[in-house]
Amino acid sequence: MQFEQLFTDFMSLTEAEQEQFFTQYKLKRNIDLDKVPERTSKKSLKETLQFTEEELALMKTLGLKPKDLKALKAVEIENDLEEEEDLLDGDN
């Protein structure tokens, strides 16, 4: 099959067929656009993380940013989970 045979030649269609082609295309496009999820706004790290005065002072002293502390807390949680798994495996 050749490339030219994949699509109908729009210029060879009659005016009524061209109009029908447009309406079908618009309908298909609207359905496709309805399926696209809406973009949600991301909360800033400052809104999602609550820092104590101690943490804020430490951040300022060390020159850390909120995303650095978020990454550090994620690593701490991961290590805690691994330790719990090791304890559970050791009990058996």
N, C-alpha and C. Protein backbone atom coordinates (compact mmCIF):
# COMPACT_ATOMS: atom_id res chain seq x y z
N MET A 1 0.85 -1.18 0.00
CA MET A 1 0.00 0.00 0.00
C MET A 1 0.89 1.24 0.00
N GLN A 2 0.57 2.18 -0.83
CA GLN A 2 1.36 3.40 -0.93
C GLN A 2 0.81 4.46 0.02
N PHE A 3 1.66 5.41 0.32
CA PHE A 3 1.28 6.48 1.24
C PHE A 3 0.05 7.24 0.76
N GLU A 4 -0.03 7.49 -0.52
CA GLU A 4 -1.15 8.24 -1.08
C GLU A 4 -2.48 7.52 -0.87
N GLN A 5 -2.42 6.20 -0.72
CA GLN A 5 -3.65 5.42 -0.55
C GLN A 5 -4.12 5.38 0.90
N LEU A 6 -3.27 5.79 1.84
CA LEU A 6 -3.65 5.76 3.24
C LEU A 6 -4.71 6.82 3.58
N PHE A 7 -4.61 7.96 2.96
CA PHE A 7 -5.52 9.07 3.26
C PHE A 7 -6.25 9.48 1.99
N THR A 8 -7.51 9.91 2.17
CA THR A 8 -8.26 10.38 1.01
C THR A 8 -7.75 11.76 0.60
N ASP A 9 -7.77 12.04 -0.66
CA ASP A 9 -7.33 13.34 -1.17
C ASP A 9 -8.45 14.34 -0.90
N PHE A 10 -8.18 15.26 -0.01
CA PHE A 10 -9.18 16.22 0.42
C PHE A 10 -9.67 17.08 -0.75
N MET A 11 -8.78 17.44 -1.64
CA MET A 11 -9.16 18.31 -2.76
C MET A 11 -10.05 17.61 -3.77
N SER A 12 -10.02 16.29 -3.78
CA SER A 12 -10.87 15.56 -4.72
C SER A 12 -12.28 15.33 -4.17
N LEU A 13 -12.51 15.64 -2.91
CA LEU A 13 -13.83 15.48 -2.32
C LEU A 13 -14.76 16.61 -2.75
N THR A 14 -16.05 16.30 -2.76
CA THR A 14 -17.01 17.34 -3.08
C THR A 14 -17.16 18.25 -1.86
N GLU A 15 -17.84 19.37 -2.06
CA GLU A 15 -17.99 20.33 -0.97
C GLU A 15 -18.74 19.71 0.21
N ALA A 16 -19.76 18.92 -0.06
CA ALA A 16 -20.52 18.26 1.00
C ALA A 16 -19.63 17.25 1.74
N GLU A 17 -18.82 16.52 1.02
CA GLU A 17 -17.91 15.54 1.64
C GLU A 17 -16.84 16.24 2.47
N GLN A 18 -16.37 17.40 1.98
CA GLN A 18 -15.38 18.16 2.74
C GLN A 18 -15.98 18.66 4.05
N GLU A 19 -17.23 19.12 3.98
CA GLU A 19 -17.91 19.59 5.19
C GLU A 19 -18.11 18.44 6.17
N GLN A 20 -18.48 17.28 5.67
CA GLN A 20 -18.65 16.10 6.52
C GLN A 20 -17.30 15.70 7.14
N PHE A 21 -16.23 15.80 6.37
CA PHE A 21 -14.90 15.49 6.87
C PHE A 21 -14.54 16.41 8.04
N PHE A 22 -14.83 17.70 7.89
CA PHE A 22 -14.54 18.66 8.96
C PHE A 22 -15.35 18.37 10.22
N THR A 23 -16.63 18.07 10.07
CA THR A 23 -17.45 17.81 11.25
C THR A 23 -16.99 16.54 11.97
N GLN A 24 -16.61 15.52 11.21
CA GLN A 24 -16.10 14.29 11.84
C GLN A 24 -14.78 14.57 12.56
N TYR A 25 -13.94 15.38 11.94
CA TYR A 25 -12.66 15.72 12.55
C TYR A 25 -12.87 16.51 13.84
N LYS A 26 -13.77 17.48 13.82
CA LYS A 26 -14.04 18.29 15.01
C LYS A 26 -14.57 17.42 16.14
N LEU A 27 -15.47 16.51 15.82
CA LEU A 27 -16.03 15.62 16.82
C LEU A 27 -14.94 14.73 17.42
N LYS A 28 -14.10 14.17 16.58
CA LYS A 28 -13.01 13.31 17.05
C LYS A 28 -12.04 14.12 17.91
N ARG A 29 -11.74 15.31 17.49
CA ARG A 29 -10.82 16.17 18.24
C ARG A 29 -11.39 16.54 19.61
N ASN A 30 -12.67 16.87 19.68
CA ASN A 30 -13.31 17.19 20.96
C ASN A 30 -13.29 16.00 21.91
N ILE A 31 -13.53 14.81 21.38
CA ILE A 31 -13.49 13.60 22.21
C ILE A 31 -12.08 13.39 22.74
N ASP A 32 -11.08 13.56 21.87
CA ASP A 32 -9.69 13.40 22.29
C ASP A 32 -9.31 14.42 23.36
N LEU A 33 -9.76 15.66 23.19
CA LEU A 33 -9.43 16.69 24.16
C LEU A 33 -10.13 16.49 25.49
N ASP A 34 -11.30 15.87 25.47
CA ASP A 34 -12.00 15.58 26.72
C ASP A 34 -11.26 14.53 27.54
N LYS A 35 -10.51 13.66 26.88
CA LYS A 35 -9.77 12.60 27.56
C LYS A 35 -8.51 13.12 28.24
N VAL A 36 -8.02 14.27 27.83
CA VAL A 36 -6.78 14.81 28.39
C VAL A 36 -7.05 15.31 29.81
N PRO A 37 -6.28 14.82 30.78
CA PRO A 37 -6.51 15.28 32.16
C PRO A 37 -6.10 16.73 32.32
N GLU A 38 -6.81 17.41 33.20
CA GLU A 38 -6.47 18.81 33.46
C GLU A 38 -5.21 18.88 34.29
N ARG A 39 -4.49 19.91 34.09
CA ARG A 39 -3.24 20.09 34.81
C ARG A 39 -3.54 20.56 36.23
N THR A 40 -2.95 19.90 37.18
CA THR A 40 -3.16 20.29 38.56
C THR A 40 -1.98 21.14 39.01
N SER A 41 -2.28 22.05 39.88
CA SER A 41 -1.20 22.92 40.35
C SER A 41 -0.40 22.18 41.42
N LYS A 42 0.88 22.36 41.38
CA LYS A 42 1.74 21.73 42.36
C LYS A 42 1.89 22.66 43.55
N LYS A 43 1.85 22.07 44.72
CA LYS A 43 2.07 22.86 45.92
C LYS A 43 3.57 23.07 46.08
N SER A 44 3.92 24.21 46.55
CA SER A 44 5.34 24.47 46.77
C SER A 44 5.82 23.65 47.96
N LEU A 45 7.11 23.41 48.02
CA LEU A 45 7.67 22.63 49.12
C LEU A 45 7.44 23.31 50.46
N LYS A 46 7.43 24.62 50.46
CA LYS A 46 7.22 25.34 51.71
C LYS A 46 5.82 25.07 52.26
N GLU A 47 4.85 24.88 51.36
CA GLU A 47 3.48 24.61 51.81
C GLU A 47 3.33 23.17 52.29
N THR A 48 4.05 22.24 51.69
CA THR A 48 3.88 20.83 52.03
C THR A 48 4.71 20.42 53.23
N LEU A 49 5.83 21.08 53.47
CA LEU A 49 6.69 20.73 54.58
C LEU A 49 6.60 21.78 55.68
N GLN A 50 6.50 21.30 56.89
CA GLN A 50 6.49 22.21 58.04
C GLN A 50 7.81 22.01 58.78
N PHE A 51 8.56 23.08 58.96
CA PHE A 51 9.85 23.01 59.63
C PHE A 51 9.78 23.66 61.00
N THR A 52 10.52 23.08 61.91
CA THR A 52 10.62 23.68 63.24
C THR A 52 11.62 24.83 63.17
N GLU A 53 11.63 25.62 64.21
CA GLU A 53 12.58 26.75 64.26
C GLU A 53 14.02 26.23 64.21
N GLU A 54 14.24 25.09 64.85
CA GLU A 54 15.56 24.48 64.86
C GLU A 54 15.99 24.10 63.44
N GLU A 55 15.07 23.49 62.70
CA GLU A 55 15.37 23.09 61.33
C GLU A 55 15.62 24.31 60.44
N LEU A 56 14.82 25.34 60.63
CA LEU A 56 15.01 26.55 59.83
C LEU A 56 16.36 27.20 60.10
N ALA A 57 16.76 27.23 61.36
CA ALA A 57 18.07 27.80 61.70
C ALA A 57 19.19 26.95 61.11
N LEU A 58 19.03 25.64 61.17
CA LEU A 58 20.03 24.73 60.61
C LEU A 58 20.11 24.90 59.09
N MET A 59 18.97 25.04 58.46
CA MET A 59 18.94 25.25 57.01
C MET A 59 19.70 26.51 56.63
N LYS A 60 19.45 27.56 57.37
CA LYS A 60 20.09 28.84 57.08
C LYS A 60 21.60 28.75 57.30
N THR A 61 22.01 28.08 58.38
CA THR A 61 23.42 27.94 58.70
C THR A 61 24.16 27.12 57.64
N LEU A 62 23.55 26.00 57.24
CA LEU A 62 24.20 25.09 56.29
C LEU A 62 23.94 25.47 54.83
N GLY A 63 23.05 26.40 54.61
CA GLY A 63 22.75 26.81 53.24
C GLY A 63 21.92 25.77 52.49
N LEU A 64 21.07 25.05 53.23
CA LEU A 64 20.22 24.04 52.62
C LEU A 64 18.90 24.65 52.17
N LYS A 65 18.28 23.97 51.23
CA LYS A 65 16.97 24.40 50.72
C LYS A 65 15.92 23.39 51.15
N PRO A 66 14.65 23.75 51.08
CA PRO A 66 13.59 22.81 51.49
C PRO A 66 13.64 21.48 50.74
N LYS A 67 13.99 21.51 49.46
CA LYS A 67 14.03 20.25 48.70
C LYS A 67 15.12 19.33 49.22
N ASP A 68 16.23 19.90 49.76
CA ASP A 68 17.29 19.08 50.33
C ASP A 68 16.79 18.34 51.57
N LEU A 69 16.05 19.03 52.41
CA LEU A 69 15.51 18.39 53.61
C LEU A 69 14.45 17.36 53.28
N LYS A 70 13.68 17.63 52.25
CA LYS A 70 12.67 16.66 51.83
C LYS A 70 13.36 15.37 51.37
N ALA A 71 14.43 15.50 50.62
CA ALA A 71 15.18 14.33 50.16
C ALA A 71 15.79 13.58 51.34
N LEU A 72 16.30 14.33 52.30
CA LEU A 72 16.90 13.72 53.49
C LEU A 72 15.86 12.95 54.29
N LYS A 73 14.67 13.53 54.45
CA LYS A 73 13.61 12.85 55.19
C LYS A 73 13.16 11.59 54.46
N ALA A 74 13.14 11.63 53.13
CA ALA A 74 12.76 10.45 52.35
C ALA A 74 13.77 9.33 52.55
N VAL A 75 15.04 9.67 52.61
CA VAL A 75 16.08 8.67 52.83
C VAL A 75 15.95 8.08 54.24
N GLU A 76 15.65 8.93 55.22
CA GLU A 76 15.47 8.45 56.60
C GLU A 76 14.31 7.46 56.68
N ILE A 77 13.22 7.76 56.02
CA ILE A 77 12.05 6.87 56.04
C ILE A 77 12.40 5.54 55.38
N GLU A 78 13.12 5.61 54.26
CA GLU A 78 13.52 4.41 53.55
C GLU A 78 14.41 3.54 54.43
N ASN A 79 15.36 4.16 55.14
CA ASN A 79 16.25 3.41 56.02
C ASN A 79 15.48 2.78 57.17
N ASP A 80 14.50 3.49 57.70
CA ASP A 80 13.68 2.94 58.78
C ASP A 80 12.91 1.71 58.31
N LEU A 81 12.37 1.77 57.10
CA LEU A 81 11.64 0.63 56.55
C LEU A 81 12.55 -0.57 56.36
N GLU A 82 13.77 -0.33 55.89
CA GLU A 82 14.73 -1.42 55.69
C GLU A 82 15.10 -2.05 57.03
N GLU A 83 15.27 -1.22 58.07
CA GLU A 83 15.59 -1.76 59.39
C GLU A 83 14.45 -2.61 59.93
N GLU A 84 13.21 -2.17 59.72
CA GLU A 84 12.06 -2.95 60.17
C GLU A 84 11.99 -4.29 59.45
N GLU A 85 12.27 -4.29 58.15
CA GLU A 85 12.27 -5.53 57.39
C GLU A 85 13.35 -6.47 57.89
N ASP A 86 14.52 -5.93 58.20
CA ASP A 86 15.60 -6.75 58.73
C ASP A 86 15.21 -7.36 60.07
N LEU A 87 14.55 -6.59 60.92
CA LEU A 87 14.11 -7.11 62.21
C LEU A 87 13.10 -8.22 62.04
N LEU A 88 12.16 -8.02 61.10
CA LEU A 88 11.14 -9.03 60.86
C LEU A 88 11.76 -10.30 60.28
N ASP A 89 12.72 -10.16 59.40
CA ASP A 89 13.38 -11.33 58.81
C ASP A 89 14.21 -12.05 59.87
N GLY A 90 14.77 -11.32 60.80
CA GLY A 90 15.60 -11.93 61.85
C GLY A 90 14.78 -12.70 62.86
N ASP A 91 13.51 -12.33 63.04
CA ASP A 91 12.65 -13.02 63.99
C ASP A 91 12.28 -14.41 63.52
N ASN A 92 12.22 -14.62 62.24
CA ASN A 92 11.81 -15.93 61.70
C ASN A 92 12.92 -16.85 61.82
